[in-house]
Structures are given as structure tokens and as C-alpha cells.
Amino acid sequence: MTDALAKRHIGSLEVSVVGLGCNNFGGRIDEHQTAEVVSAALDAGITFFDTADIYGGTRSEELLGRALGKHRDEVMVATKFGMPVDAERTGAKPAYVRRAVEESLRRLGTDHVDLYQLHRPDPETPMADTLAALDELVRAGKVREIGCSNFSAAQIREAQAAVRQGAARFISVQNEYSLLKREPELEVLPECDRLALAFIPYFPLSSGVLTGKYRRGEPPPSGTRLAGVPTGRPDSPLSDQTLSVVEALEAFAARNGHSVLELAIAWLVMQPMVASVIAGATAPVQVSANAKASSWVLTAAQLDEVDEVAPAH
């Protein structure tokens, strides 16, 4: 492993400023390919690996655990629970919280999860009940820190208000955020700032749209995440309006000697509440590119120019 990447904190956890999203493991890539991607991440200095119990039909956790092997104690492993694994295993009721963590620990082949995240709010379970169960896991040493994902600002406030004095609280929020999806700037990021919560952006490359692989007037390449998605329509992630923004961002990046992918990651790294940019990958070369992108430090003038091209809300 190298120490080339800068480090930031998610609560008590020190993580690399670029992490690896593991949603492709066990789905788009098999065990051998997963091992190659994880090895490349370790070589690039990535120390933060983010998965979930539902990724790859529960196989992502298994493949990640095996790929990390002897390096487990050198990295921070985050996983999530709450979305349906099946009809019985879903939600955030205390009994299921306890079951879900045991199953994740077994699949990961570890005795603790560094960051355990509620994947989405559960309207059927009082937040105080979920937090009490998560606090038990922290006190038992099975979980080091807890976080939430896909929460609105109001839900973040509700969760903070439900914490018992001295008990574990959410220390991070993981929501979608990219140059093409800037909604968190309206309310969620200010709330994270107010409560001193780390923010973890997922889909930083907007499902690959910010890699430059999708072109106006051309069908999405086969094998890509958006293969088969209709183009041109206003409601499409590959609408003409979106691709126009991407083309302008590409031109800006090229004028500064970079790719649009490097811009997408470097720009997120510059956002003050962002702790680690978790980009997925299906090949080692992608991991290396994602890690390298964080070295571009944009100037204030460059950030202003980006805002003109891809306006904030």
C-alpha cells in the first residue's frame, strides 16, 4: 500500500479522500475481477471501502472480505443495511438491526464494521428504536461508527434529536452528489455543516455520465451502466441538456489539462463537508484514475467557472 492519498475523518475514522464503492462486486464483476480492483485500490492508497448487504445480491460483502484478506486491519470498511435483502430482511427494527450486522460480519469475514450505515429511512420504525439498537452494537464493539444514507435534512435533524445522551449518533450522511446532481447543497450539506457530520457522495460520476463515455446522438456503449437507456428525452440521464453540460465541462477540463472524470472527482474533493468520494470501478485502471484525480486542486476562479457551466441550485 502507498500513502499517496490525502486523509480525512468520518467521526473517529481516518479515511482516504477517494474511496472505493463496491456496488459492482458480485454483479457486474466476478470474484477474480473484484480481487484485481481491490488490489489496485490498495496500491493507489485507498483505505475506505464502501459496500452494502444488498450489493451483488449479498455477494459484494463476501467478495470484498476475501479480496481484502490480510489487509483488513489496514483499511476502513463501511457497509449498509435497511434496503430489502428479501421479504423478511429489510427495514430498521431493532431485532433486524442485530440480525443484519451479524450477517454482514459473517459475509465480510471480520469481527467489526468501521462504519455501519442505515441505507434509507424506515418510516415504520421510530428512529429512537433504531438508534438504540445501533448504540448496542457500538458498545459491543461490533461497529465503530454509525451513519445514514438517503436522508433529507429534516430526517437528519430528527435522527439527531432522537439520540439519548451519551449514546452513539450518526456521524455521516451518504447521499447522491455530483456536478450533475447538486441538490444536497440546498439543505443537506448546510445541515451536515451545522451538526459537524461528514458527507460521503455516491454516484460522483453520475453513473458514468461524467466519464465522457456517453456521446450526444450515439447509443450508450454496450456493457456500460446506462446501456439501453434512451437518449435525448428530457427525463433521460442522457438528455441533450445533460450532455450539453457534460460537453462544456469536458472543454473546461481539457483547457486545464485534465479529463472530465478528473474534474468530477477533484471538484467534489474541494467541497468542505465531503470526507471521501466513493467511486465505483470495474477495472484496475479505473481505480487508478479515480485516485489520481484527487491531486487536482482547483483555484477559486476555476470553481467559479465550473459553477457557470454546471450551476448550483
C-alpha atoms as a PDB file:
ATOM      1  CA  MET A   1       0.000   0.000   0.000  1.00  0.00           C
ATOM      2  CA  THR A   2       1.040   3.589  -0.635  1.00  0.00           C
ATOM      3  CA  ASP A   3       0.236   6.657   1.456  1.00  0.00           C
ATOM      4  CA  ALA A   4      -0.150   8.898  -1.585  1.00  0.00           C
ATOM      5  CA  LEU A   5      -3.777   9.892  -0.965  1.00  0.00           C
ATOM      6  CA  ALA A   6      -4.746  12.610   1.490  1.00  0.00           C
ATOM      7  CA  LYS A   7      -6.754  11.568   4.540  1.00  0.00           C
ATOM      8  CA  ARG A   8      -9.883  12.987   6.131  1.00  0.00           C
ATOM      9  CA  HIS A   9     -12.103  11.932   9.011  1.00  0.00           C
ATOM     10  CA  ILE A  10     -15.531  10.338   9.325  1.00  0.00           C
ATOM     11  CA  GLY A  11     -16.034  10.640  13.049  1.00  0.00           C
ATOM     12  CA  SER A  12     -13.098   8.795  14.618  1.00  0.00           C
ATOM     13  CA  LEU A  13     -12.247   7.032  11.351  1.00  0.00           C
ATOM     14  CA  GLU A  14      -9.398   8.258   9.170  1.00  0.00           C
ATOM     15  CA  VAL A  15     -10.144   7.557   5.510  1.00  0.00           C
ATOM     16  CA  SER A  16      -8.585   8.265   2.121  1.00  0.00           C
ATOM     17  CA  VAL A  17     -10.134  11.237   0.345  1.00  0.00           C
ATOM     18  CA  VAL A  18     -11.046   8.897  -2.528  1.00  0.00           C
ATOM     19  CA  GLY A  19     -12.739   5.645  -1.556  1.00  0.00           C
ATOM     20  CA  LEU A  20     -13.932   2.613  -3.485  1.00  0.00           C
ATOM     21  CA  GLY A  21     -17.632   1.986  -3.991  1.00  0.00           C
ATOM     22  CA  CYS A  22     -18.180  -1.772  -4.091  1.00  0.00           C
ATOM     23  CA  ASN A  23     -21.638  -1.964  -5.673  1.00  0.00           C
ATOM     24  CA  ASN A  24     -20.223  -3.713  -8.777  1.00  0.00           C
ATOM     25  CA  PHE A  25     -18.803  -6.654  -6.818  1.00  0.00           C
ATOM     26  CA  GLY A  26     -20.691  -9.899  -7.358  1.00  0.00           C
ATOM     27  CA  GLY A  27     -22.827  -8.274 -10.050  1.00  0.00           C
ATOM     28  CA  ARG A  28     -21.046  -6.568 -12.916  1.00  0.00           C
ATOM     29  CA  ILE A  29     -17.705  -8.156 -11.955  1.00  0.00           C
ATOM     30  CA  ASP A  30     -16.844 -11.605 -10.558  1.00  0.00           C
ATOM     31  CA  GLU A  31     -14.532 -12.679  -7.734  1.00  0.00           C
ATOM     32  CA  HIS A  32     -11.328 -12.595  -9.785  1.00  0.00           C
ATOM     33  CA  GLN A  33     -12.081  -9.138 -11.178  1.00  0.00           C
ATOM     34  CA  THR A  34     -13.069  -7.920  -7.712  1.00  0.00           C
ATOM     35  CA  ALA A  35      -9.713  -9.066  -6.322  1.00  0.00           C
ATOM     36  CA  GLU A  36      -7.919  -7.138  -9.078  1.00  0.00           C
ATOM     37  CA  VAL A  37      -9.908  -3.961  -8.376  1.00  0.00           C
ATOM     38  CA  VAL A  38      -9.348  -4.180  -4.602  1.00  0.00           C
ATOM     39  CA  SER A  39      -5.622  -4.801  -5.135  1.00  0.00           C
ATOM     40  CA  ALA A  40      -5.403  -1.739  -7.388  1.00  0.00           C
ATOM     41  CA  ALA A  41      -7.220   0.313  -4.758  1.00  0.00           C
ATOM     42  CA  LEU A  42      -4.769  -0.732  -2.062  1.00  0.00           C
ATOM     43  CA  ASP A  43      -1.853   0.061  -4.370  1.00  0.00           C
ATOM     44  CA  ALA A  44      -3.329   3.520  -5.031  1.00  0.00           C
ATOM     45  CA  GLY A  45      -3.527   4.307  -1.319  1.00  0.00           C
ATOM     46  CA  ILE A  46      -7.299   3.881  -1.000  1.00  0.00           C
ATOM     47  CA  THR A  47      -8.217   2.933   2.562  1.00  0.00           C
ATOM     48  CA  PHE A  48     -12.003   3.354   2.502  1.00  0.00           C
ATOM     49  CA  PHE A  49     -14.224   0.620   1.044  1.00  0.00           C
ATOM     50  CA  ASP A  50     -17.989   1.140   0.947  1.00  0.00           C
ATOM     51  CA  THR A  51     -20.409  -1.717   0.329  1.00  0.00           C
ATOM     52  CA  ALA A  52     -23.930  -2.797   1.383  1.00  0.00           C
ATOM     53  CA  ASP A  53     -25.694  -6.017   2.232  1.00  0.00           C
ATOM     54  CA  ILE A  54     -27.828  -5.842  -0.920  1.00  0.00           C
ATOM     55  CA  TYR A  55     -24.983  -5.229  -3.390  1.00  0.00           C
ATOM     56  CA  GLY A  56     -24.428  -8.139  -5.737  1.00  0.00           C
ATOM     57  CA  GLY A  57     -27.288  -9.997  -4.054  1.00  0.00           C
ATOM     58  CA  THR A  58     -25.220 -10.070  -0.788  1.00  0.00           C
ATOM     59  CA  ARG A  59     -22.099 -11.249  -2.672  1.00  0.00           C
ATOM     60  CA  SER A  60     -20.342  -7.874  -2.611  1.00  0.00           C
ATOM     61  CA  GLU A  61     -19.591  -8.164   1.098  1.00  0.00           C
ATOM     62  CA  GLU A  62     -18.286 -11.708   0.661  1.00  0.00           C
ATOM     63  CA  LEU A  63     -16.022 -10.820  -2.257  1.00  0.00           C
ATOM     64  CA  LEU A  64     -14.750  -7.663  -0.584  1.00  0.00           C
ATOM     65  CA  GLY A  65     -13.893  -9.544   2.602  1.00  0.00           C
ATOM     66  CA  ARG A  66     -11.967 -12.214   0.703  1.00  0.00           C
ATOM     67  CA  ALA A  67     -10.196  -9.682  -1.508  1.00  0.00           C
ATOM     68  CA  LEU A  68      -9.027  -7.607   1.463  1.00  0.00           C
ATOM     69  CA  GLY A  69      -7.716 -10.686   3.262  1.00  0.00           C
ATOM     70  CA  LYS A  70      -4.673  -9.816   5.362  1.00  0.00           C
ATOM     71  CA  HIS A  71      -5.155  -6.097   4.621  1.00  0.00           C
ATOM     72  CA  ARG A  72      -8.435  -5.893   6.553  1.00  0.00           C
ATOM     73  CA  ASP A  73      -6.928  -4.090   9.549  1.00  0.00           C
ATOM     74  CA  GLU A  74      -5.191  -1.534   7.301  1.00  0.00           C
ATOM     75  CA  VAL A  75      -8.454  -0.150   5.899  1.00  0.00           C
ATOM     76  CA  MET A  76     -11.868   1.144   6.883  1.00  0.00           C
ATOM     77  CA  VAL A  77     -14.839  -0.960   5.789  1.00  0.00           C
ATOM     78  CA  ALA A  78     -18.290   0.608   5.551  1.00  0.00           C
ATOM     79  CA  THR A  79     -21.464  -1.317   4.844  1.00  0.00           C
ATOM     80  CA  LYS A  80     -25.178  -0.634   4.963  1.00  0.00           C
ATOM     81  CA  PHE A  81     -28.447  -2.296   5.965  1.00  0.00           C
ATOM     82  CA  GLY A  82     -32.120  -1.467   5.628  1.00  0.00           C
ATOM     83  CA  MET A  83     -32.970  -1.995   1.977  1.00  0.00           C
ATOM     84  CA  PRO A  84     -34.679  -5.313   1.196  1.00  0.00           C
ATOM     85  CA  VAL A  85     -32.380  -8.322   1.047  1.00  0.00           C
ATOM     86  CA  ASP A  86     -35.568 -10.374   0.833  1.00  0.00           C
ATOM     87  CA  ALA A  87     -39.130 -10.149   2.171  1.00  0.00           C
ATOM     88  CA  GLU A  88     -38.022 -10.732   5.772  1.00  0.00           C
ATOM     89  CA  ARG A  89     -34.672  -8.943   5.870  1.00  0.00           C
ATOM     90  CA  THR A  90     -35.493  -5.280   5.457  1.00  0.00           C
ATOM     91  CA  GLY A  91     -36.076  -2.111   7.433  1.00  0.00           C
ATOM     92  CA  ALA A  92     -34.575  -0.845  10.676  1.00  0.00           C
ATOM     93  CA  LYS A  93     -36.425  -2.547  13.516  1.00  0.00           C
ATOM     94  CA  PRO A  94     -34.062  -3.342  16.419  1.00  0.00           C
ATOM     95  CA  ALA A  95     -34.293  -7.126  16.027  1.00  0.00           C
ATOM     96  CA  TYR A  96     -33.384  -6.847  12.364  1.00  0.00           C
ATOM     97  CA  VAL A  97     -30.546  -4.402  13.058  1.00  0.00           C
ATOM     98  CA  ARG A  98     -28.973  -7.056  15.287  1.00  0.00           C
ATOM     99  CA  ARG A  99     -29.518  -9.800  12.695  1.00  0.00           C
ATOM    100  CA  ALA A 100     -28.307  -7.677   9.776  1.00  0.00           C
ATOM    101  CA  VAL A 101     -24.985  -6.801  11.370  1.00  0.00           C
ATOM    102  CA  GLU A 102     -24.231 -10.420  12.252  1.00  0.00           C
ATOM    103  CA  GLU A 103     -24.888 -11.474   8.660  1.00  0.00           C
ATOM    104  CA  SER A 104     -22.705  -8.668   7.304  1.00  0.00           C
ATOM    105  CA  LEU A 105     -19.881  -9.545   9.701  1.00  0.00           C
ATOM    106  CA  ARG A 106     -20.042 -13.169   8.585  1.00  0.00           C
ATOM    107  CA  ARG A 107     -20.012 -12.282   4.896  1.00  0.00           C
ATOM    108  CA  LEU A 108     -17.177  -9.775   5.340  1.00  0.00           C
ATOM    109  CA  GLY A 109     -15.168 -12.246   7.418  1.00  0.00           C
ATOM    110  CA  THR A 110     -14.474  -9.650  10.115  1.00  0.00           C
ATOM    111  CA  ASP A 111     -15.343  -9.008  13.747  1.00  0.00           C
ATOM    112  CA  HIS A 112     -16.342  -5.369  13.301  1.00  0.00           C
ATOM    113  CA  VAL A 113     -17.660  -2.852  10.775  1.00  0.00           C
ATOM    114  CA  ASP A 114     -15.921   0.508  10.838  1.00  0.00           C
ATOM    115  CA  LEU A 115     -18.919   2.486   9.551  1.00  0.00           C
ATOM    116  CA  TYR A 116     -22.395   0.912   9.705  1.00  0.00           C
ATOM    117  CA  GLN A 117     -24.998   2.883   7.774  1.00  0.00           C
ATOM    118  CA  LEU A 118     -28.773   2.831   7.615  1.00  0.00           C
ATOM    119  CA  HIS A 119     -29.278   2.623   3.845  1.00  0.00           C
ATOM    120  CA  ARG A 120     -32.537   4.567   3.840  1.00  0.00           C
ATOM    121  CA  PRO A 121     -35.076   5.842   6.378  1.00  0.00           C
ATOM    122  CA  ASP A 122     -37.601   3.321   7.701  1.00  0.00           C
ATOM    123  CA  PRO A 123     -40.911   5.139   8.213  1.00  0.00           C
ATOM    124  CA  GLU A 124     -42.339   2.134  10.102  1.00  0.00           C
ATOM    125  CA  THR A 125     -39.745   2.207  12.888  1.00  0.00           C
ATOM    126  CA  PRO A 126     -39.191   5.036  15.387  1.00  0.00           C
ATOM    127  CA  MET A 127     -35.735   6.482  14.859  1.00  0.00           C
ATOM    128  CA  ALA A 128     -35.028   6.271  18.592  1.00  0.00           C
ATOM    129  CA  ASP A 129     -35.518   2.481  18.480  1.00  0.00           C
ATOM    130  CA  THR A 130     -33.106   2.057  15.567  1.00  0.00           C
ATOM    131  CA  LEU A 131     -30.511   4.288  17.179  1.00  0.00           C
ATOM    132  CA  ALA A 132     -30.753   2.392  20.471  1.00  0.00           C
ATOM    133  CA  ALA A 133     -30.056  -0.876  18.657  1.00  0.00           C
ATOM    134  CA  LEU A 134     -27.128   0.670  16.791  1.00  0.00           C
ATOM    135  CA  ASP A 135     -25.753   2.034  20.067  1.00  0.00           C
ATOM    136  CA  GLU A 136     -25.783  -1.529  21.438  1.00  0.00           C
ATOM    137  CA  LEU A 137     -23.631  -2.628  18.504  1.00  0.00           C
ATOM    138  CA  VAL A 138     -21.153   0.186  19.127  1.00  0.00           C
ATOM    139  CA  ARG A 139     -20.938  -0.660  22.823  1.00  0.00           C
ATOM    140  CA  ALA A 140     -20.406  -4.329  21.932  1.00  0.00           C
ATOM    141  CA  GLY A 141     -17.507  -3.436  19.624  1.00  0.00           C
ATOM    142  CA  LYS A 142     -19.207  -4.821  16.529  1.00  0.00           C
ATOM    143  CA  VAL A 143     -19.483  -1.352  14.982  1.00  0.00           C
ATOM    144  CA  ARG A 144     -17.141   1.615  15.411  1.00  0.00           C
ATOM    145  CA  GLU A 145     -19.245   4.446  13.961  1.00  0.00           C
ATOM    146  CA  ILE A 146     -22.758   4.746  12.542  1.00  0.00           C
ATOM    147  CA  GLY A 147     -24.090   6.760   9.621  1.00  0.00           C
ATOM    148  CA  CYS A 148     -27.138   7.211   7.428  1.00  0.00           C
ATOM    149  CA  SER A 149     -27.821   7.284   3.708  1.00  0.00           C
ATOM    150  CA  ASN A 150     -30.508   8.840   1.518  1.00  0.00           C
ATOM    151  CA  PHE A 151     -31.714  11.082   4.369  1.00  0.00           C
ATOM    152  CA  SER A 152     -33.234  14.514   3.877  1.00  0.00           C
ATOM    153  CA  ALA A 153     -32.192  17.446   6.068  1.00  0.00           C
ATOM    154  CA  ALA A 154     -35.393  17.051   8.110  1.00  0.00           C
ATOM    155  CA  GLN A 155     -34.680  13.342   8.646  1.00  0.00           C
ATOM    156  CA  ILE A 156     -31.105  14.146   9.702  1.00  0.00           C
ATOM    157  CA  ARG A 157     -32.448  16.607  12.281  1.00  0.00           C
ATOM    158  CA  GLU A 158     -34.966  14.025  13.515  1.00  0.00           C
ATOM    159  CA  ALA A 159     -32.219  11.444  13.951  1.00  0.00           C
ATOM    160  CA  GLN A 160     -30.007  13.841  15.896  1.00  0.00           C
ATOM    161  CA  ALA A 161     -32.901  14.801  18.168  1.00  0.00           C
ATOM    162  CA  ALA A 162     -33.641  11.123  18.919  1.00  0.00           C
ATOM    163  CA  VAL A 163     -30.166  10.312  20.288  1.00  0.00           C
ATOM    164  CA  ARG A 164     -30.047   9.523  24.003  1.00  0.00           C
ATOM    165  CA  GLN A 165     -27.421  11.414  25.973  1.00  0.00           C
ATOM    166  CA  GLY A 166     -24.059   9.660  25.677  1.00  0.00           C
ATOM    167  CA  ALA A 167     -25.282   7.236  23.000  1.00  0.00           C
ATOM    168  CA  ALA A 168     -23.904   6.755  19.508  1.00  0.00           C
ATOM    169  CA  ARG A 169     -25.185   9.151  16.863  1.00  0.00           C
ATOM    170  CA  PHE A 170     -24.944   9.285  13.094  1.00  0.00           C
ATOM    171  CA  ILE A 171     -21.638  10.884  12.190  1.00  0.00           C
ATOM    172  CA  SER A 172     -22.018  10.744   8.402  1.00  0.00           C
ATOM    173  CA  VAL A 173     -24.538  11.154   5.606  1.00  0.00           C
ATOM    174  CA  GLN A 174     -24.194   9.339   2.279  1.00  0.00           C
ATOM    175  CA  ASN A 175     -26.335  10.808  -0.494  1.00  0.00           C
ATOM    176  CA  GLU A 176     -26.013  11.211  -4.244  1.00  0.00           C
ATOM    177  CA  TYR A 177     -23.944  14.260  -5.154  1.00  0.00           C
ATOM    178  CA  SER A 178     -22.076  15.218  -8.298  1.00  0.00           C
ATOM    179  CA  LEU A 179     -21.569  18.082 -10.723  1.00  0.00           C
ATOM    180  CA  LEU A 180     -24.850  16.981 -12.320  1.00  0.00           C
ATOM    181  CA  LYS A 181     -26.744  16.353  -9.048  1.00  0.00           C
ATOM    182  CA  ARG A 182     -26.188  19.298  -6.726  1.00  0.00           C
ATOM    183  CA  GLU A 183     -29.389  19.107  -4.676  1.00  0.00           C
ATOM    184  CA  PRO A 184     -27.525  18.375  -1.404  1.00  0.00           C
ATOM    185  CA  GLU A 185     -26.265  21.967  -1.484  1.00  0.00           C
ATOM    186  CA  LEU A 186     -29.792  23.247  -0.790  1.00  0.00           C
ATOM    187  CA  GLU A 187     -30.353  21.750   2.673  1.00  0.00           C
ATOM    188  CA  VAL A 188     -28.407  18.560   3.392  1.00  0.00           C
ATOM    189  CA  LEU A 189     -24.877  19.967   3.204  1.00  0.00           C
ATOM    190  CA  PRO A 190     -25.749  23.004   5.360  1.00  0.00           C
ATOM    191  CA  GLU A 191     -27.271  20.607   7.902  1.00  0.00           C
ATOM    192  CA  CYS A 192     -24.108  18.494   7.847  1.00  0.00           C
ATOM    193  CA  ASP A 193     -22.105  21.648   8.466  1.00  0.00           C
ATOM    194  CA  ARG A 194     -24.343  22.665  11.375  1.00  0.00           C
ATOM    195  CA  LEU A 195     -24.132  19.239  13.025  1.00  0.00           C
ATOM    196  CA  ALA A 196     -20.489  18.513  12.104  1.00  0.00           C
ATOM    197  CA  LEU A 197     -21.392  15.449  10.021  1.00  0.00           C
ATOM    198  CA  ALA A 198     -19.121  14.046   7.336  1.00  0.00           C
ATOM    199  CA  PHE A 199     -20.681  13.845   3.879  1.00  0.00           C
ATOM    200  CA  ILE A 200     -19.989  10.887   1.575  1.00  0.00           C
ATOM    201  CA  PRO A 201     -21.124  11.467  -2.024  1.00  0.00           C
ATOM    202  CA  TYR A 202     -22.208   8.427  -4.006  1.00  0.00           C
ATOM    203  CA  PHE A 203     -22.507   8.313  -7.814  1.00  0.00           C
ATOM    204  CA  PRO A 204     -19.797  11.021  -8.067  1.00  0.00           C
ATOM    205  CA  LEU A 205     -19.532  10.302 -11.793  1.00  0.00           C
ATOM    206  CA  SER A 206     -23.334  10.319 -12.207  1.00  0.00           C
ATOM    207  CA  SER A 207     -23.484   6.638 -13.244  1.00  0.00           C
ATOM    208  CA  GLY A 208     -20.624   7.189 -15.676  1.00  0.00           C
ATOM    209  CA  VAL A 209     -22.084  10.224 -17.444  1.00  0.00           C
ATOM    210  CA  LEU A 210     -19.150  12.288 -16.160  1.00  0.00           C
ATOM    211  CA  THR A 211     -16.553   9.932 -17.648  1.00  0.00           C
ATOM    212  CA  GLY A 212     -17.070  11.158 -21.213  1.00  0.00           C
ATOM    213  CA  LYS A 213     -18.061   7.718 -22.490  1.00  0.00           C
ATOM    214  CA  TYR A 214     -21.585   8.819 -23.488  1.00  0.00           C
ATOM    215  CA  ARG A 215     -21.993  10.977 -26.576  1.00  0.00           C
ATOM    216  CA  ARG A 216     -24.861  13.003 -27.939  1.00  0.00           C
ATOM    217  CA  GLY A 217     -26.618  11.240 -30.803  1.00  0.00           C
ATOM    218  CA  GLU A 218     -24.901   7.907 -30.080  1.00  0.00           C
ATOM    219  CA  PRO A 219     -26.388   4.912 -28.243  1.00  0.00           C
ATOM    220  CA  PRO A 220     -24.758   4.139 -24.875  1.00  0.00           C
ATOM    221  CA  PRO A 221     -21.876   1.654 -25.296  1.00  0.00           C
ATOM    222  CA  SER A 222     -22.816  -1.962 -24.563  1.00  0.00           C
ATOM    223  CA  GLY A 223     -21.715  -3.200 -21.161  1.00  0.00           C
ATOM    224  CA  THR A 224     -21.912   0.243 -19.563  1.00  0.00           C
ATOM    225  CA  ARG A 225     -24.209   1.051 -16.634  1.00  0.00           C
ATOM    226  CA  LEU A 226     -26.536   3.056 -18.883  1.00  0.00           C
ATOM    227  CA  ALA A 227     -26.552   0.629 -21.836  1.00  0.00           C
ATOM    228  CA  GLY A 228     -30.048   0.549 -23.282  1.00  0.00           C
ATOM    229  CA  VAL A 229     -31.113   3.807 -21.623  1.00  0.00           C
ATOM    230  CA  PRO A 230     -32.953   6.036 -24.109  1.00  0.00           C
ATOM    231  CA  THR A 231     -31.100   9.203 -25.076  1.00  0.00           C
ATOM    232  CA  GLY A 232     -32.338  12.639 -25.983  1.00  0.00           C
ATOM    233  CA  ARG A 233     -35.543  12.593 -23.906  1.00  0.00           C
ATOM    234  CA  PRO A 234     -35.740  15.384 -21.286  1.00  0.00           C
ATOM    235  CA  ASP A 235     -36.256  12.855 -18.458  1.00  0.00           C
ATOM    236  CA  SER A 236     -33.296  10.684 -19.517  1.00  0.00           C
ATOM    237  CA  PRO A 237     -29.976  10.745 -17.626  1.00  0.00           C
ATOM    238  CA  LEU A 238     -28.568  11.122 -21.152  1.00  0.00           C
ATOM    239  CA  SER A 239     -30.804  14.014 -22.199  1.00  0.00           C
ATOM    240  CA  ASP A 240     -29.483  16.573 -24.657  1.00  0.00           C
ATOM    241  CA  GLN A 241     -29.445  19.169 -21.876  1.00  0.00           C
ATOM    242  CA  THR A 242     -27.324  16.950 -19.604  1.00  0.00           C
ATOM    243  CA  LEU A 243     -24.921  16.024 -22.398  1.00  0.00           C
ATOM    244  CA  SER A 244     -24.551  19.696 -23.280  1.00  0.00           C
ATOM    245  CA  VAL A 245     -23.399  20.386 -19.713  1.00  0.00           C
ATOM    246  CA  VAL A 246     -21.015  17.423 -19.868  1.00  0.00           C
ATOM    247  CA  GLU A 247     -19.556  18.678 -23.152  1.00  0.00           C
ATOM    248  CA  ALA A 248     -18.959  22.103 -21.588  1.00  0.00           C
ATOM    249  CA  LEU A 249     -17.325  20.500 -18.546  1.00  0.00           C
ATOM    250  CA  GLU A 250     -15.136  18.391 -20.833  1.00  0.00           C
ATOM    251  CA  ALA A 251     -13.994  21.509 -22.657  1.00  0.00           C
ATOM    252  CA  PHE A 252     -13.210  23.255 -19.356  1.00  0.00           C
ATOM    253  CA  ALA A 253     -11.249  20.242 -18.076  1.00  0.00           C
ATOM    254  CA  ALA A 254      -9.321  19.930 -21.359  1.00  0.00           C
ATOM    255  CA  ARG A 255      -8.316  23.609 -21.243  1.00  0.00           C
ATOM    256  CA  ASN A 256      -6.795  22.873 -17.839  1.00  0.00           C
ATOM    257  CA  GLY A 257      -5.050  19.675 -18.908  1.00  0.00           C
ATOM    258  CA  HIS A 258      -7.470  17.239 -17.329  1.00  0.00           C
ATOM    259  CA  SER A 259     -10.334  14.896 -18.196  1.00  0.00           C
ATOM    260  CA  VAL A 260     -13.951  15.420 -17.197  1.00  0.00           C
ATOM    261  CA  LEU A 261     -13.631  12.421 -14.842  1.00  0.00           C
ATOM    262  CA  GLU A 262     -10.740  14.125 -13.068  1.00  0.00           C
ATOM    263  CA  LEU A 263     -12.797  17.298 -12.822  1.00  0.00           C
ATOM    264  CA  ALA A 264     -15.797  15.454 -11.356  1.00  0.00           C
ATOM    265  CA  ILE A 265     -13.759  13.905  -8.544  1.00  0.00           C
ATOM    266  CA  ALA A 266     -11.454  16.868  -7.916  1.00  0.00           C
ATOM    267  CA  TRP A 267     -14.448  19.208  -7.655  1.00  0.00           C
ATOM    268  CA  LEU A 268     -16.105  17.001  -5.034  1.00  0.00           C
ATOM    269  CA  VAL A 269     -12.872  16.777  -3.053  1.00  0.00           C
ATOM    270  CA  MET A 270     -12.913  20.596  -2.891  1.00  0.00           C
ATOM    271  CA  GLN A 271     -16.338  20.679  -1.217  1.00  0.00           C
ATOM    272  CA  PRO A 272     -15.798  21.379   2.502  1.00  0.00           C
ATOM    273  CA  MET A 273     -18.121  18.756   4.016  1.00  0.00           C
ATOM    274  CA  VAL A 274     -17.012  15.888   1.751  1.00  0.00           C
ATOM    275  CA  ALA A 275     -14.965  13.243   3.582  1.00  0.00           C
ATOM    276  CA  SER A 276     -14.375  10.643   0.869  1.00  0.00           C
ATOM    277  CA  VAL A 277     -15.500  10.385  -2.750  1.00  0.00           C
ATOM    278  CA  ILE A 278     -16.600   6.772  -3.242  1.00  0.00           C
ATOM    279  CA  ALA A 279     -16.345   5.982  -6.929  1.00  0.00           C
ATOM    280  CA  GLY A 280     -17.163   2.517  -8.216  1.00  0.00           C
ATOM    281  CA  ALA A 281     -14.897   0.648 -10.609  1.00  0.00           C
ATOM    282  CA  THR A 282     -14.956  -2.495 -12.718  1.00  0.00           C
ATOM    283  CA  ALA A 283     -11.263  -2.495 -13.687  1.00  0.00           C
ATOM    284  CA  PRO A 284      -7.942  -1.582 -12.027  1.00  0.00           C
ATOM    285  CA  VAL A 285      -7.264   1.244 -14.498  1.00  0.00           C
ATOM    286  CA  GLN A 286     -10.448   2.987 -13.347  1.00  0.00           C
ATOM    287  CA  VAL A 287      -9.379   2.799  -9.707  1.00  0.00           C
ATOM    288  CA  SER A 288      -6.016   4.359 -10.515  1.00  0.00           C
ATOM    289  CA  ALA A 289      -7.669   7.159 -12.490  1.00  0.00           C
ATOM    290  CA  ASN A 290     -10.133   7.905  -9.683  1.00  0.00           C
ATOM    291  CA  ALA A 291      -7.367   8.089  -7.083  1.00  0.00           C
ATOM    292  CA  LYS A 292      -5.136  10.258  -9.277  1.00  0.00           C
ATOM    293  CA  ALA A 293      -7.954  12.739  -9.894  1.00  0.00           C
ATOM    294  CA  SER A 294      -7.888  13.970  -6.303  1.00  0.00           C
ATOM    295  CA  SER A 295      -4.493  15.615  -6.848  1.00  0.00           C
ATOM    296  CA  TRP A 296      -6.013  18.421  -8.942  1.00  0.00           C
ATOM    297  CA  VAL A 297      -6.611  21.389  -6.620  1.00  0.00           C
ATOM    298  CA  LEU A 298      -8.952  23.800  -8.376  1.00  0.00           C
ATOM    299  CA  THR A 299      -8.463  27.536  -7.875  1.00  0.00           C
ATOM    300  CA  ALA A 300     -11.284  29.825  -6.758  1.00  0.00           C
ATOM    301  CA  ALA A 301     -11.523  31.161 -10.301  1.00  0.00           C
ATOM    302  CA  GLN A 302     -11.797  27.641 -11.707  1.00  0.00           C
ATOM    303  CA  LEU A 303     -14.523  26.766  -9.207  1.00  0.00           C
ATOM    304  CA  ASP A 304     -16.447  29.872 -10.268  1.00  0.00           C
ATOM    305  CA  GLU A 305     -16.131  28.847 -13.907  1.00  0.00           C
ATOM    306  CA  VAL A 306     -17.434  25.363 -13.097  1.00  0.00           C
ATOM    307  CA  ASP A 307     -20.445  26.939 -11.350  1.00  0.00           C
ATOM    308  CA  GLU A 308     -21.233  28.828 -14.547  1.00  0.00           C
ATOM    309  CA  VAL A 309     -21.145  25.634 -16.597  1.00  0.00           C
ATOM    310  CA  ALA A 310     -22.955  23.360 -14.094  1.00  0.00           C
ATOM    311  CA  PRO A 311     -24.857  25.814 -11.903  1.00  0.00           C
ATOM    312  CA  ALA A 312     -25.551  25.243  -8.235  1.00  0.00           C
ATOM    313  CA  HIS A 313     -29.194  25.100  -7.221  1.00  0.00           C
END
